[in-house]
Amino acid sequence: MKFFILLLSLTLSLADEHEHHHHGHEDHGDDHAHHVTGYVVKTHEDLVKYRHLCAEQVHATEEDVAKFIKWQFADEEKSRCYLKCVFEQFGFFDATHGFDVHKIHEQLSGGAHVDHTDETHHKIVACADNNTQGSDACTWAYRGGICFMHSNLQLVQHSVKA
């Protein structure tokens, strides 16, 4: 049960409303998606900062934090809201628009050229649902994060050198 902590355990306020509308949409042939979103790839230091901030926000215990650092996220409110917080910090998720698959893909690529038609992008899109279930934001973020971590944890961990 590991995933996007980066994303993966992952609150950037996005200034441009346009950026919030990239979830689930393809940019067929867009060679400059990095420039389009303006996303800046986050570092391990950013992840550590976000983990600390989010652990405080959800009142995580030392035991909780130890599990989170090991990419272990139980399906409970504290874990779900922790992941949502981390994703918000990374700029991957907001409670109104959901996931920004382009930013997630850029993070996973480490800032290299991103091909939004490749297999990784399609995996991200498959997990970044539009919340047709009507779940609360924490559950929505958790569902997408766990989905992606199940098949791509090593890629996620490598992207933040966690």
C-alpha atoms as a PDB file:
ATOM      1  CA  MET A   1       0.000   0.000   0.000  1.00  0.00           C
ATOM      2  CA  LYS A   2       2.427   2.509  -1.137  1.00  0.00           C
ATOM      3  CA  PHE A   3       2.273   5.241  -3.684  1.00  0.00           C
ATOM      4  CA  PHE A   4       2.274   8.778  -4.429  1.00  0.00           C
ATOM      5  CA  ILE A   5       3.675   9.921  -1.176  1.00  0.00           C
ATOM      6  CA  LEU A   6       5.464  11.836  -3.248  1.00  0.00           C
ATOM      7  CA  LEU A   7       2.872  11.821  -4.803  1.00  0.00           C
ATOM      8  CA  LEU A   8       2.993  10.499  -3.369  1.00  0.00           C
ATOM      9  CA  SER A   9       3.014  11.284   0.124  1.00  0.00           C
ATOM     10  CA  LEU A  10       2.396  14.259  -1.130  1.00  0.00           C
ATOM     11  CA  THR A  11       0.273  22.638  -0.423  1.00  0.00           C
ATOM     12  CA  LEU A  12       1.166  24.431  -3.256  1.00  0.00           C
ATOM     13  CA  SER A  13      -1.486  26.971  -4.010  1.00  0.00           C
ATOM     14  CA  LEU A  14      -1.857  27.055  -7.735  1.00  0.00           C
ATOM     15  CA  ALA A  15      -2.124  30.608  -8.909  1.00  0.00           C
ATOM     16  CA  ASP A  16      -3.290  29.813 -12.390  1.00  0.00           C
ATOM     17  CA  GLU A  17      -6.787  28.326 -12.512  1.00  0.00           C
ATOM     18  CA  HIS A  18      -5.894  26.834 -15.892  1.00  0.00           C
ATOM     19  CA  GLU A  19      -3.375  24.540 -14.234  1.00  0.00           C
ATOM     20  CA  HIS A  20      -6.160  22.897 -12.250  1.00  0.00           C
ATOM     21  CA  HIS A  21      -7.814  21.647 -15.401  1.00  0.00           C
ATOM     22  CA  HIS A  22      -5.043  19.302 -16.531  1.00  0.00           C
ATOM     23  CA  HIS A  23      -6.252  16.215 -14.665  1.00  0.00           C
ATOM     24  CA  GLY A  24      -7.314  13.358 -16.874  1.00  0.00           C
ATOM     25  CA  HIS A  25      -6.715  15.255 -20.105  1.00  0.00           C
ATOM     26  CA  GLU A  26      -4.173  14.416 -22.773  1.00  0.00           C
ATOM     27  CA  ASP A  27      -1.882  16.952 -24.437  1.00  0.00           C
ATOM     28  CA  HIS A  28      -1.341  14.878 -27.564  1.00  0.00           C
ATOM     29  CA  GLY A  29       1.994  15.888 -28.976  1.00  0.00           C
ATOM     30  CA  ASP A  30       2.708  18.646 -26.438  1.00  0.00           C
ATOM     31  CA  ASP A  31       6.494  18.834 -26.349  1.00  0.00           C
ATOM     32  CA  HIS A  32       6.601  21.530 -23.708  1.00  0.00           C
ATOM     33  CA  ALA A  33       4.218  20.304 -21.022  1.00  0.00           C
ATOM     34  CA  HIS A  34       6.725  21.265 -18.360  1.00  0.00           C
ATOM     35  CA  HIS A  35       6.539  24.852 -19.540  1.00  0.00           C
ATOM     36  CA  VAL A  36       2.770  24.673 -19.931  1.00  0.00           C
ATOM     37  CA  THR A  37       2.158  23.689 -16.316  1.00  0.00           C
ATOM     38  CA  GLY A  38       5.051  25.661 -14.866  1.00  0.00           C
ATOM     39  CA  TYR A  39       5.675  22.735 -12.526  1.00  0.00           C
ATOM     40  CA  VAL A  40       8.981  22.650 -10.674  1.00  0.00           C
ATOM     41  CA  VAL A  41      10.169  19.141  -9.776  1.00  0.00           C
ATOM     42  CA  LYS A  42      10.355  18.696  -6.015  1.00  0.00           C
ATOM     43  CA  THR A  43      13.342  17.280  -4.145  1.00  0.00           C
ATOM     44  CA  HIS A  44      13.756  14.872  -1.259  1.00  0.00           C
ATOM     45  CA  GLU A  45      14.147  17.915   0.997  1.00  0.00           C
ATOM     46  CA  ASP A  46      10.749  19.133  -0.180  1.00  0.00           C
ATOM     47  CA  LEU A  47       9.265  15.718   0.601  1.00  0.00           C
ATOM     48  CA  VAL A  48      10.730  15.786   4.114  1.00  0.00           C
ATOM     49  CA  LYS A  49       9.300  19.276   4.679  1.00  0.00           C
ATOM     50  CA  TYR A  50       5.880  18.229   3.359  1.00  0.00           C
ATOM     51  CA  ARG A  51       5.864  15.055   5.452  1.00  0.00           C
ATOM     52  CA  HIS A  52       6.534  17.079   8.595  1.00  0.00           C
ATOM     53  CA  LEU A  53       3.911  19.713   7.804  1.00  0.00           C
ATOM     54  CA  CYS A  54       1.284  17.111   6.907  1.00  0.00           C
ATOM     55  CA  ALA A  55       2.041  14.915   9.921  1.00  0.00           C
ATOM     56  CA  GLU A  56       1.386  17.942  12.121  1.00  0.00           C
ATOM     57  CA  GLN A  57      -1.777  18.798  10.210  1.00  0.00           C
ATOM     58  CA  VAL A  58      -3.312  15.341  10.749  1.00  0.00           C
ATOM     59  CA  HIS A  59      -1.915  14.977  14.283  1.00  0.00           C
ATOM     60  CA  ALA A  60       0.095  11.893  13.339  1.00  0.00           C
ATOM     61  CA  THR A  61       1.847  10.008  16.099  1.00  0.00           C
ATOM     62  CA  GLU A  62       5.495   8.969  15.881  1.00  0.00           C
ATOM     63  CA  GLU A  63       4.243   5.478  15.008  1.00  0.00           C
ATOM     64  CA  ASP A  64       2.099   6.883  12.193  1.00  0.00           C
ATOM     65  CA  VAL A  65       5.021   8.868  10.806  1.00  0.00           C
ATOM     66  CA  ALA A  66       7.285   5.803  10.909  1.00  0.00           C
ATOM     67  CA  LYS A  67       4.726   3.936   8.781  1.00  0.00           C
ATOM     68  CA  PHE A  68       4.273   6.833   6.369  1.00  0.00           C
ATOM     69  CA  ILE A  69       8.018   7.077   5.805  1.00  0.00           C
ATOM     70  CA  LYS A  70       7.986   3.372   4.922  1.00  0.00           C
ATOM     71  CA  TRP A  71       5.201   4.111   2.417  1.00  0.00           C
ATOM     72  CA  GLN A  72       2.642   2.242   4.525  1.00  0.00           C
ATOM     73  CA  PHE A  73      -0.776   3.876   4.450  1.00  0.00           C
ATOM     74  CA  ALA A  74      -3.671   2.176   6.188  1.00  0.00           C
ATOM     75  CA  ASP A  75      -7.141   2.884   4.814  1.00  0.00           C
ATOM     76  CA  GLU A  76      -8.073   5.178   7.687  1.00  0.00           C
ATOM     77  CA  GLU A  77      -8.827   8.893   7.895  1.00  0.00           C
ATOM     78  CA  LYS A  78      -5.421   9.961   9.208  1.00  0.00           C
ATOM     79  CA  SER A  79      -3.521   8.193   6.395  1.00  0.00           C
ATOM     80  CA  ARG A  80      -5.966   9.347   3.748  1.00  0.00           C
ATOM     81  CA  CYS A  81      -5.767  12.989   4.845  1.00  0.00           C
ATOM     82  CA  TYR A  82      -1.988  12.790   5.217  1.00  0.00           C
ATOM     83  CA  LEU A  83      -1.654  11.641   1.603  1.00  0.00           C
ATOM     84  CA  LYS A  84      -4.047  14.350   0.445  1.00  0.00           C
ATOM     85  CA  CYS A  85      -1.958  16.948   2.245  1.00  0.00           C
ATOM     86  CA  VAL A  86       1.293  15.698   0.748  1.00  0.00           C
ATOM     87  CA  PHE A  87      -0.222  15.612  -2.732  1.00  0.00           C
ATOM     88  CA  GLU A  88      -1.485  19.161  -2.266  1.00  0.00           C
ATOM     89  CA  GLN A  89       1.971  20.266  -1.177  1.00  0.00           C
ATOM     90  CA  PHE A  90       3.459  18.739  -4.311  1.00  0.00           C
ATOM     91  CA  GLY A  91       0.822  20.480  -6.412  1.00  0.00           C
ATOM     92  CA  PHE A  92      -0.585  17.135  -7.565  1.00  0.00           C
ATOM     93  CA  PHE A  93      -4.077  17.397  -6.118  1.00  0.00           C
ATOM     94  CA  ASP A  94      -6.709  19.842  -5.039  1.00  0.00           C
ATOM     95  CA  ALA A  95     -10.060  19.026  -3.489  1.00  0.00           C
ATOM     96  CA  THR A  96     -12.037  20.776  -6.230  1.00  0.00           C
ATOM     97  CA  HIS A  97     -10.310  19.567  -9.395  1.00  0.00           C
ATOM     98  CA  GLY A  98      -8.591  16.364  -8.244  1.00  0.00           C
ATOM     99  CA  PHE A  99      -5.294  15.179  -9.651  1.00  0.00           C
ATOM    100  CA  ASP A 100      -3.061  17.008 -12.106  1.00  0.00           C
ATOM    101  CA  VAL A 101      -1.668  14.080 -14.091  1.00  0.00           C
ATOM    102  CA  HIS A 102       0.775  16.243 -16.013  1.00  0.00           C
ATOM    103  CA  LYS A 103       2.476  17.519 -12.864  1.00  0.00           C
ATOM    104  CA  ILE A 104       2.605  14.011 -11.419  1.00  0.00           C
ATOM    105  CA  HIS A 105       4.220  12.746 -14.609  1.00  0.00           C
ATOM    106  CA  GLU A 106       6.722  15.617 -14.605  1.00  0.00           C
ATOM    107  CA  GLN A 107       7.702  14.800 -11.017  1.00  0.00           C
ATOM    108  CA  LEU A 108       8.136  11.137 -11.848  1.00  0.00           C
ATOM    109  CA  SER A 109      10.303  11.982 -14.851  1.00  0.00           C
ATOM    110  CA  GLY A 110      12.559  14.169 -12.730  1.00  0.00           C
ATOM    111  CA  GLY A 111      12.143  17.126 -15.028  1.00  0.00           C
ATOM    112  CA  ALA A 112      13.194  15.269 -18.170  1.00  0.00           C
ATOM    113  CA  HIS A 113      11.119  15.559 -21.321  1.00  0.00           C
ATOM    114  CA  VAL A 114       7.720  14.028 -20.626  1.00  0.00           C
ATOM    115  CA  ASP A 115       5.851  12.074 -23.259  1.00  0.00           C
ATOM    116  CA  HIS A 116       2.211  12.373 -22.248  1.00  0.00           C
ATOM    117  CA  THR A 117       1.335   9.481 -24.545  1.00  0.00           C
ATOM    118  CA  ASP A 118       3.583   6.903 -22.861  1.00  0.00           C
ATOM    119  CA  GLU A 119       2.638   4.008 -20.580  1.00  0.00           C
ATOM    120  CA  THR A 120       3.485   5.862 -17.355  1.00  0.00           C
ATOM    121  CA  HIS A 121       1.150   8.703 -18.264  1.00  0.00           C
ATOM    122  CA  HIS A 122      -1.655   6.265 -19.023  1.00  0.00           C
ATOM    123  CA  LYS A 123      -1.125   4.557 -15.639  1.00  0.00           C
ATOM    124  CA  ILE A 124      -1.364   7.914 -13.884  1.00  0.00           C
ATOM    125  CA  VAL A 125      -4.538   8.793 -15.786  1.00  0.00           C
ATOM    126  CA  ALA A 126      -6.048   5.400 -14.925  1.00  0.00           C
ATOM    127  CA  CYS A 127      -5.576   6.054 -11.198  1.00  0.00           C
ATOM    128  CA  ALA A 128      -6.534   9.744 -11.209  1.00  0.00           C
ATOM    129  CA  ASP A 129     -10.281   9.281 -11.316  1.00  0.00           C
ATOM    130  CA  ASN A 130     -12.815  12.099 -11.431  1.00  0.00           C
ATOM    131  CA  ASN A 131     -14.405  11.063  -8.136  1.00  0.00           C
ATOM    132  CA  THR A 132     -17.661   9.868  -9.612  1.00  0.00           C
ATOM    133  CA  GLN A 133     -18.097   8.112  -6.243  1.00  0.00           C
ATOM    134  CA  GLY A 134     -18.522  11.494  -4.555  1.00  0.00           C
ATOM    135  CA  SER A 135     -15.894  10.673  -1.915  1.00  0.00           C
ATOM    136  CA  ASP A 136     -14.475  13.263   0.449  1.00  0.00           C
ATOM    137  CA  ALA A 137     -11.180  14.816  -0.713  1.00  0.00           C
ATOM    138  CA  CYS A 138      -9.010  12.680   1.596  1.00  0.00           C
ATOM    139  CA  THR A 139     -10.547   9.455   0.325  1.00  0.00           C
ATOM    140  CA  TRP A 140     -10.298  10.624  -3.283  1.00  0.00           C
ATOM    141  CA  ALA A 141      -6.603  11.484  -2.944  1.00  0.00           C
ATOM    142  CA  TYR A 142      -5.892   8.241  -1.080  1.00  0.00           C
ATOM    143  CA  ARG A 143      -7.667   6.100  -3.675  1.00  0.00           C
ATOM    144  CA  GLY A 144      -5.629   7.590  -6.517  1.00  0.00           C
ATOM    145  CA  GLY A 145      -2.381   7.458  -4.600  1.00  0.00           C
ATOM    146  CA  ILE A 146      -2.723   3.854  -3.518  1.00  0.00           C
ATOM    147  CA  CYS A 147      -3.775   2.829  -7.013  1.00  0.00           C
ATOM    148  CA  PHE A 148      -0.631   4.256  -8.507  1.00  0.00           C
ATOM    149  CA  MET A 149       1.701   3.079  -5.736  1.00  0.00           C
ATOM    150  CA  HIS A 150       0.545  -0.492  -6.187  1.00  0.00           C
ATOM    151  CA  SER A 151       2.164  -0.680  -9.587  1.00  0.00           C
ATOM    152  CA  ASN A 152       4.728   2.123  -9.547  1.00  0.00           C
ATOM    153  CA  LEU A 153       6.143   2.519  -6.035  1.00  0.00           C
ATOM    154  CA  GLN A 154       9.781   2.273  -7.139  1.00  0.00           C
ATOM    155  CA  LEU A 155       9.273   5.004  -9.711  1.00  0.00           C
ATOM    156  CA  VAL A 156       7.598   7.198  -7.093  1.00  0.00           C
ATOM    157  CA  GLN A 157      10.316   6.611  -4.510  1.00  0.00           C
ATOM    158  CA  HIS A 158      13.074   7.236  -7.046  1.00  0.00           C
ATOM    159  CA  SER A 159      11.507  10.532  -8.115  1.00  0.00           C
ATOM    160  CA  VAL A 160      12.106  11.975  -4.648  1.00  0.00           C
ATOM    161  CA  LYS A 161      15.040   9.761  -3.704  1.00  0.00           C
ATOM    162  CA  ALA A 162      13.074   8.628  -0.633  1.00  0.00           C
END
